[in-house]
Amino acid sequence: MRGDNPLQRLPAERVAALDVKMLELLACPVTKGHLRYDAEQQELVSPGARLAYPVRDGIPILLPSEARQLEIE
């Protein structure tokens, strides 16, 4: 089926496990450093670049032009 997302058919525990494995493979395209997943904001945060990349429909959008600049704390 076109447009059918196989992750929607998996139990929630299985999806979370897939996400963790995927996160281990991803890196910030700017700094090449690690990313931290913010589940509440649905973003992957790069502390080094001070950028937050959106996650849309479970897909990380790792484009600097799509990232939100983080405020200095």
PDB file of N, CA and C in Angstrom:
ATOM      1  N   MET A   1       0.830  -1.196   0.000  1.00  0.00           N
ATOM      2  CA  MET A   1       0.000   0.000   0.000  1.00  0.00           C
ATOM      3  C   MET A   1       0.865   1.246   0.000  1.00  0.00           C
ATOM      4  N   ARG A   2       0.561   2.155  -0.833  1.00  0.00           N
ATOM      5  CA  ARG A   2       1.286   3.409  -0.892  1.00  0.00           C
ATOM      6  C   ARG A   2       0.842   4.304   0.262  1.00  0.00           C
ATOM      7  N   GLY A   3       1.816   4.939   0.937  1.00  0.00           N
ATOM      8  CA  GLY A   3       1.487   5.836   2.037  1.00  0.00           C
ATOM      9  C   GLY A   3       1.277   5.124   3.363  1.00  0.00           C
ATOM     10  N   ASP A   4       1.322   3.787   3.356  1.00  0.00           N
ATOM     11  CA  ASP A   4       1.145   3.025   4.589  1.00  0.00           C
ATOM     12  C   ASP A   4       2.459   3.014   5.355  1.00  0.00           C
ATOM     13  N   ASN A   5       2.426   3.409   6.616  1.00  0.00           N
ATOM     14  CA  ASN A   5       3.622   3.450   7.448  1.00  0.00           C
ATOM     15  C   ASN A   5       3.690   2.165   8.263  1.00  0.00           C
ATOM     16  N   PRO A   6       4.674   1.283   7.993  1.00  0.00           N
ATOM     17  CA  PRO A   6       4.742   0.018   8.732  1.00  0.00           C
ATOM     18  C   PRO A   6       4.979   0.208  10.223  1.00  0.00           C
ATOM     19  N   LEU A   7       5.575   1.336  10.640  1.00  0.00           N
ATOM     20  CA  LEU A   7       5.789   1.575  12.068  1.00  0.00           C
ATOM     21  C   LEU A   7       4.477   1.749  12.816  1.00  0.00           C
ATOM     22  N   GLN A   8       3.424   2.179  12.118  1.00  0.00           N
ATOM     23  CA  GLN A   8       2.127   2.367  12.771  1.00  0.00           C
ATOM     24  C   GLN A   8       1.510   1.029  13.164  1.00  0.00           C
ATOM     25  N   ARG A   9       1.922  -0.057  12.533  1.00  0.00           N
ATOM     26  CA  ARG A   9       1.366  -1.373  12.836  1.00  0.00           C
ATOM     27  C   ARG A   9       2.123  -2.083  13.954  1.00  0.00           C
ATOM     28  N   LEU A  10       3.263  -1.528  14.372  1.00  0.00           N
ATOM     29  CA  LEU A  10       4.065  -2.154  15.417  1.00  0.00           C
ATOM     30  C   LEU A  10       3.606  -1.708  16.800  1.00  0.00           C
ATOM     31  N   PRO A  11       3.794  -2.556  17.815  1.00  0.00           N
ATOM     32  CA  PRO A  11       3.498  -2.135  19.185  1.00  0.00           C
ATOM     33  C   PRO A  11       4.382  -0.949  19.564  1.00  0.00           C
ATOM     34  N   ALA A  12       3.904  -0.108  20.466  1.00  0.00           N
ATOM     35  CA  ALA A  12       4.629   1.104  20.866  1.00  0.00           C
ATOM     36  C   ALA A  12       6.029   0.777  21.382  1.00  0.00           C
ATOM     37  N   GLU A  13       6.186  -0.342  22.106  1.00  0.00           N
ATOM     38  CA  GLU A  13       7.495  -0.702  22.642  1.00  0.00           C
ATOM     39  C   GLU A  13       8.488  -0.960  21.520  1.00  0.00           C
ATOM     40  N   ARG A  14       8.025  -1.565  20.461  1.00  0.00           N
ATOM     41  CA  ARG A  14       8.895  -1.891  19.325  1.00  0.00           C
ATOM     42  C   ARG A  14       9.318  -0.623  18.597  1.00  0.00           C
ATOM     43  N   VAL A  15       8.405   0.326  18.433  1.00  0.00           N
ATOM     44  CA  VAL A  15       8.729   1.590  17.774  1.00  0.00           C
ATOM     45  C   VAL A  15       9.777   2.336  18.576  1.00  0.00           C
ATOM     46  N   ALA A  16       9.624   2.379  19.900  1.00  0.00           N
ATOM     47  CA  ALA A  16      10.589   3.070  20.750  1.00  0.00           C
ATOM     48  C   ALA A  16      11.970   2.442  20.600  1.00  0.00           C
ATOM     49  N   ALA A  17      12.048   1.126  20.519  1.00  0.00           N
ATOM     50  CA  ALA A  17      13.330   0.448  20.367  1.00  0.00           C
ATOM     51  C   ALA A  17      13.963   0.798  19.024  1.00  0.00           C
ATOM     52  N   LEU A  18      13.161   0.884  17.986  1.00  0.00           N
ATOM     53  CA  LEU A  18      13.686   1.268  16.681  1.00  0.00           C
ATOM     54  C   LEU A  18      14.205   2.694  16.720  1.00  0.00           C
ATOM     55  N   ASP A  19      13.512   3.568  17.386  1.00  0.00           N
ATOM     56  CA  ASP A  19      13.934   4.960  17.468  1.00  0.00           C
ATOM     57  C   ASP A  19      15.274   5.091  18.181  1.00  0.00           C
ATOM     58  N   VAL A  20      15.469   4.347  19.250  1.00  0.00           N
ATOM     59  CA  VAL A  20      16.722   4.409  20.003  1.00  0.00           C
ATOM     60  C   VAL A  20      17.872   3.934  19.123  1.00  0.00           C
ATOM     61  N   LYS A  21      17.659   2.861  18.394  1.00  0.00           N
ATOM     62  CA  LYS A  21      18.704   2.347  17.510  1.00  0.00           C
ATOM     63  C   LYS A  21      19.025   3.357  16.413  1.00  0.00           C
ATOM     64  N   MET A  22      18.005   4.001  15.875  1.00  0.00           N
ATOM     65  CA  MET A  22      18.227   4.995  14.837  1.00  0.00           C
ATOM     66  C   MET A  22      18.991   6.188  15.405  1.00  0.00           C
ATOM     67  N   LEU A  23      18.635   6.619  16.601  1.00  0.00           N
ATOM     68  CA  LEU A  23      19.288   7.771  17.223  1.00  0.00           C
ATOM     69  C   LEU A  23      20.789   7.532  17.397  1.00  0.00           C
ATOM     70  N   GLU A  24      21.170   6.299  17.699  1.00  0.00           N
ATOM     71  CA  GLU A  24      22.588   5.970  17.859  1.00  0.00           C
ATOM     72  C   GLU A  24      23.367   6.154  16.563  1.00  0.00           C
ATOM     73  N   LEU A  25      22.688   6.081  15.427  1.00  0.00           N
ATOM     74  CA  LEU A  25      23.344   6.204  14.126  1.00  0.00           C
ATOM     75  C   LEU A  25      23.397   7.634  13.612  1.00  0.00           C
ATOM     76  N   LEU A  26      22.571   8.499  14.150  1.00  0.00           N
ATOM     77  CA  LEU A  26      22.463   9.863  13.640  1.00  0.00           C
ATOM     78  C   LEU A  26      23.466  10.798  14.297  1.00  0.00           C
ATOM     79  N   ALA A  27      23.858  11.822  13.540  1.00  0.00           N
ATOM     80  CA  ALA A  27      24.766  12.849  14.062  1.00  0.00           C
ATOM     81  C   ALA A  27      24.316  14.198  13.528  1.00  0.00           C
ATOM     82  N   CYS A  28      24.666  15.242  14.237  1.00  0.00           N
ATOM     83  CA  CYS A  28      24.360  16.598  13.797  1.00  0.00           C
ATOM     84  C   CYS A  28      25.111  16.860  12.491  1.00  0.00           C
ATOM     85  N   PRO A  29      24.428  17.339  11.458  1.00  0.00           N
ATOM     86  CA  PRO A  29      25.113  17.607  10.194  1.00  0.00           C
ATOM     87  C   PRO A  29      26.084  18.784  10.273  1.00  0.00           C
ATOM     88  N   VAL A  30      25.954  19.624  11.286  1.00  0.00           N
ATOM     89  CA  VAL A  30      26.835  20.789  11.431  1.00  0.00           C
ATOM     90  C   VAL A  30      28.102  20.420  12.203  1.00  0.00           C
ATOM     91  N   THR A  31      27.928  19.813  13.386  1.00  0.00           N
ATOM     92  CA  THR A  31      29.075  19.523  14.260  1.00  0.00           C
ATOM     93  C   THR A  31      29.550  18.078  14.168  1.00  0.00           C
ATOM     94  N   LYS A  32      28.744  17.211  13.592  1.00  0.00           N
ATOM     95  CA  LYS A  32      28.999  15.759  13.546  1.00  0.00           C
ATOM     96  C   LYS A  32      28.946  15.144  14.939  1.00  0.00           C
ATOM     97  N   GLY A  33      28.409  15.894  15.909  1.00  0.00           N
ATOM     98  CA  GLY A  33      28.298  15.425  17.283  1.00  0.00           C
ATOM     99  C   GLY A  33      26.996  14.679  17.533  1.00  0.00           C
ATOM    100  N   HIS A  34      26.828  14.231  18.776  1.00  0.00           N
ATOM    101  CA  HIS A  34      25.649  13.451  19.152  1.00  0.00           C
ATOM    102  C   HIS A  34      24.394  14.333  19.177  1.00  0.00           C
ATOM    103  N   LEU A  35      23.256  13.674  19.085  1.00  0.00           N
ATOM    104  CA  LEU A  35      21.955  14.336  19.157  1.00  0.00           C
ATOM    105  C   LEU A  35      21.185  13.761  20.333  1.00  0.00           C
ATOM    106  N   ARG A  36      20.428  14.601  21.007  1.00  0.00           N
ATOM    107  CA  ARG A  36      19.584  14.183  22.131  1.00  0.00           C
ATOM    108  C   ARG A  36      18.134  14.331  21.689  1.00  0.00           C
ATOM    109  N   TYR A  37      17.331  13.289  21.925  1.00  0.00           N
ATOM    110  CA  TYR A  37      15.928  13.317  21.524  1.00  0.00           C
ATOM    111  C   TYR A  37      15.086  13.976  22.607  1.00  0.00           C
ATOM    112  N   ASP A  38      14.341  15.008  22.230  1.00  0.00           N
ATOM    113  CA  ASP A  38      13.391  15.677  23.122  1.00  0.00           C
ATOM    114  C   ASP A  38      12.000  15.229  22.685  1.00  0.00           C
ATOM    115  N   ALA A  39      11.446  14.235  23.397  1.00  0.00           N
ATOM    116  CA  ALA A  39      10.163  13.650  23.015  1.00  0.00           C
ATOM    117  C   ALA A  39       9.023  14.653  23.123  1.00  0.00           C
ATOM    118  N   GLU A  40       9.078  15.523  24.119  1.00  0.00           N
ATOM    119  CA  GLU A  40       8.002  16.500  24.315  1.00  0.00           C
ATOM    120  C   GLU A  40       7.916  17.481  23.145  1.00  0.00           C
ATOM    121  N   GLN A  41       9.055  17.956  22.685  1.00  0.00           N
ATOM    122  CA  GLN A  41       9.086  18.925  21.585  1.00  0.00           C
ATOM    123  C   GLN A  41       9.159  18.253  20.212  1.00  0.00           C
ATOM    124  N   GLN A  42       9.363  16.919  20.191  1.00  0.00           N
ATOM    125  CA  GLN A  42       9.555  16.181  18.944  1.00  0.00           C
ATOM    126  C   GLN A  42      10.706  16.791  18.133  1.00  0.00           C
ATOM    127  N   GLU A  43      11.871  16.866  18.795  1.00  0.00           N
ATOM    128  CA  GLU A  43      13.057  17.443  18.175  1.00  0.00           C
ATOM    129  C   GLU A  43      14.292  16.631  18.548  1.00  0.00           C
ATOM    130  N   LEU A  44      15.282  16.670  17.670  1.00  0.00           N
ATOM    131  CA  LEU A  44      16.606  16.160  17.977  1.00  0.00           C
ATOM    132  C   LEU A  44      17.482  17.370  18.248  1.00  0.00           C
ATOM    133  N   VAL A  45      18.057  17.416  19.431  1.00  0.00           N
ATOM    134  CA  VAL A  45      18.808  18.588  19.879  1.00  0.00           C
ATOM    135  C   VAL A  45      20.306  18.333  19.736  1.00  0.00           C
ATOM    136  N   SER A  46      20.980  19.297  19.127  1.00  0.00           N
ATOM    137  CA  SER A  46      22.435  19.281  19.023  1.00  0.00           C
ATOM    138  C   SER A  46      22.979  20.328  19.985  1.00  0.00           C
ATOM    139  N   PRO A  47      23.486  19.897  21.147  1.00  0.00           N
ATOM    140  CA  PRO A  47      24.006  20.873  22.108  1.00  0.00           C
ATOM    141  C   PRO A  47      25.175  21.682  21.540  1.00  0.00           C
ATOM    142  N   GLY A  48      26.037  21.038  20.760  1.00  0.00           N
ATOM    143  CA  GLY A  48      27.201  21.717  20.212  1.00  0.00           C
ATOM    144  C   GLY A  48      26.850  22.823  19.231  1.00  0.00           C
ATOM    145  N   ALA A  49      25.857  22.586  18.390  1.00  0.00           N
ATOM    146  CA  ALA A  49      25.442  23.578  17.392  1.00  0.00           C
ATOM    147  C   ALA A  49      24.358  24.502  17.928  1.00  0.00           C
ATOM    148  N   ARG A  50      23.799  24.150  19.090  1.00  0.00           N
ATOM    149  CA  ARG A  50      22.677  24.894  19.678  1.00  0.00           C
ATOM    150  C   ARG A  50      21.507  24.965  18.692  1.00  0.00           C
ATOM    151  N   LEU A  51      21.230  23.797  18.067  1.00  0.00           N
ATOM    152  CA  LEU A  51      20.136  23.678  17.112  1.00  0.00           C
ATOM    153  C   LEU A  51      19.221  22.537  17.533  1.00  0.00           C
ATOM    154  N   ALA A  52      17.938  22.670  17.186  1.00  0.00           N
ATOM    155  CA  ALA A  52      16.957  21.614  17.424  1.00  0.00           C
ATOM    156  C   ALA A  52      16.321  21.270  16.084  1.00  0.00           C
ATOM    157  N   TYR A  53      16.540  20.036  15.646  1.00  0.00           N
ATOM    158  CA  TYR A  53      16.010  19.564  14.372  1.00  0.00           C
ATOM    159  C   TYR A  53      14.640  18.931  14.594  1.00  0.00           C
ATOM    160  N   PRO A  54      13.655  19.260  13.768  1.00  0.00           N
ATOM    161  CA  PRO A  54      12.319  18.698  13.963  1.00  0.00           C
ATOM    162  C   PRO A  54      12.257  17.215  13.602  1.00  0.00           C
ATOM    163  N   VAL A  55      11.345  16.513  14.270  1.00  0.00           N
ATOM    164  CA  VAL A  55      11.014  15.134  13.927  1.00  0.00           C
ATOM    165  C   VAL A  55       9.553  15.164  13.507  1.00  0.00           C
ATOM    166  N   ARG A  56       9.300  14.860  12.246  1.00  0.00           N
ATOM    167  CA  ARG A  56       7.937  14.909  11.708  1.00  0.00           C
ATOM    168  C   ARG A  56       7.499  13.513  11.293  1.00  0.00           C
ATOM    169  N   ASP A  57       6.393  13.068  11.861  1.00  0.00           N
ATOM    170  CA  ASP A  57       5.868  11.728  11.579  1.00  0.00           C
ATOM    171  C   ASP A  57       6.931  10.655  11.794  1.00  0.00           C
ATOM    172  N   GLY A  58       7.755  10.847  12.838  1.00  0.00           N
ATOM    173  CA  GLY A  58       8.785   9.876  13.163  1.00  0.00           C
ATOM    174  C   GLY A  58      10.042   9.977  12.320  1.00  0.00           C
ATOM    175  N   ILE A  59      10.112  10.974  11.446  1.00  0.00           N
ATOM    176  CA  ILE A  59      11.263  11.132  10.554  1.00  0.00           C
ATOM    177  C   ILE A  59      12.061  12.362  10.964  1.00  0.00           C
ATOM    178  N   PRO A  60      13.329  12.187  11.328  1.00  0.00           N
ATOM    179  CA  PRO A  60      14.155  13.346  11.679  1.00  0.00           C
ATOM    180  C   PRO A  60      14.490  14.159  10.428  1.00  0.00           C
ATOM    181  N   ILE A  61      14.312  15.464  10.515  1.00  0.00           N
ATOM    182  CA  ILE A  61      14.631  16.368   9.412  1.00  0.00           C
ATOM    183  C   ILE A  61      15.953  17.049   9.772  1.00  0.00           C
ATOM    184  N   LEU A  62      17.053  16.471   9.311  1.00  0.00           N
ATOM    185  CA  LEU A  62      18.378  16.950   9.699  1.00  0.00           C
ATOM    186  C   LEU A  62      18.930  17.958   8.691  1.00  0.00           C
ATOM    187  N   LEU A  63      18.154  18.966   8.421  1.00  0.00           N
ATOM    188  CA  LEU A  63      18.564  20.058   7.543  1.00  0.00           C
ATOM    189  C   LEU A  63      18.764  21.306   8.395  1.00  0.00           C
ATOM    190  N   PRO A  64      19.946  21.909   8.353  1.00  0.00           N
ATOM    191  CA  PRO A  64      20.161  23.124   9.144  1.00  0.00           C
ATOM    192  C   PRO A  64      19.129  24.214   8.856  1.00  0.00           C
ATOM    193  N   SER A  65      18.645  24.282   7.629  1.00  0.00           N
ATOM    194  CA  SER A  65      17.645  25.300   7.284  1.00  0.00           C
ATOM    195  C   SER A  65      16.298  25.043   7.959  1.00  0.00           C
ATOM    196  N   GLU A  66      16.049  23.822   8.405  1.00  0.00           N
ATOM    197  CA  GLU A  66      14.799  23.468   9.086  1.00  0.00           C
ATOM    198  C   GLU A  66      14.941  23.521  10.606  1.00  0.00           C
ATOM    199  N   ALA A  67      16.168  23.638  11.092  1.00  0.00           N
ATOM    200  CA  ALA A  67      16.427  23.597  12.536  1.00  0.00           C
ATOM    201  C   ALA A  67      16.044  24.907  13.210  1.00  0.00           C
ATOM    202  N   ARG A  68      15.705  24.756  14.487  1.00  0.00           N
ATOM    203  CA  ARG A  68      15.381  25.914  15.322  1.00  0.00           C
ATOM    204  C   ARG A  68      16.614  26.245  16.158  1.00  0.00           C
ATOM    205  N   GLN A  69      16.983  27.525  16.164  1.00  0.00           N
ATOM    206  CA  GLN A  69      18.123  27.976  16.979  1.00  0.00           C
ATOM    207  C   GLN A  69      17.710  27.956  18.446  1.00  0.00           C
ATOM    208  N   LEU A  70      18.532  27.346  19.291  1.00  0.00           N
ATOM    209  CA  LEU A  70      18.240  27.286  20.720  1.00  0.00           C
ATOM    210  C   LEU A  70      18.713  28.558  21.401  1.00  0.00           C
ATOM    211  N   GLU A  71      17.941  28.979  22.380  1.00  0.00           N
ATOM    212  CA  GLU A  71      18.312  30.165  23.148  1.00  0.00           C
ATOM    213  C   GLU A  71      19.429  29.822  24.115  1.00  0.00           C
ATOM    214  N   ILE A  72      20.262  30.794  24.403  1.00  0.00           N
ATOM    215  CA  ILE A  72      21.337  30.602  25.370  1.00  0.00           C
ATOM    216  C   ILE A  72      20.731  30.611  26.765  1.00  0.00           C
ATOM    217  N   GLU A  73      21.068  29.589  27.546  1.00  0.00           N
ATOM    218  CA  GLU A  73      20.508  29.471  28.901  1.00  0.00           C
ATOM    219  C   GLU A  73      21.402  30.122  29.906  1.00  0.00           C
TER     220      GLU A  73
END
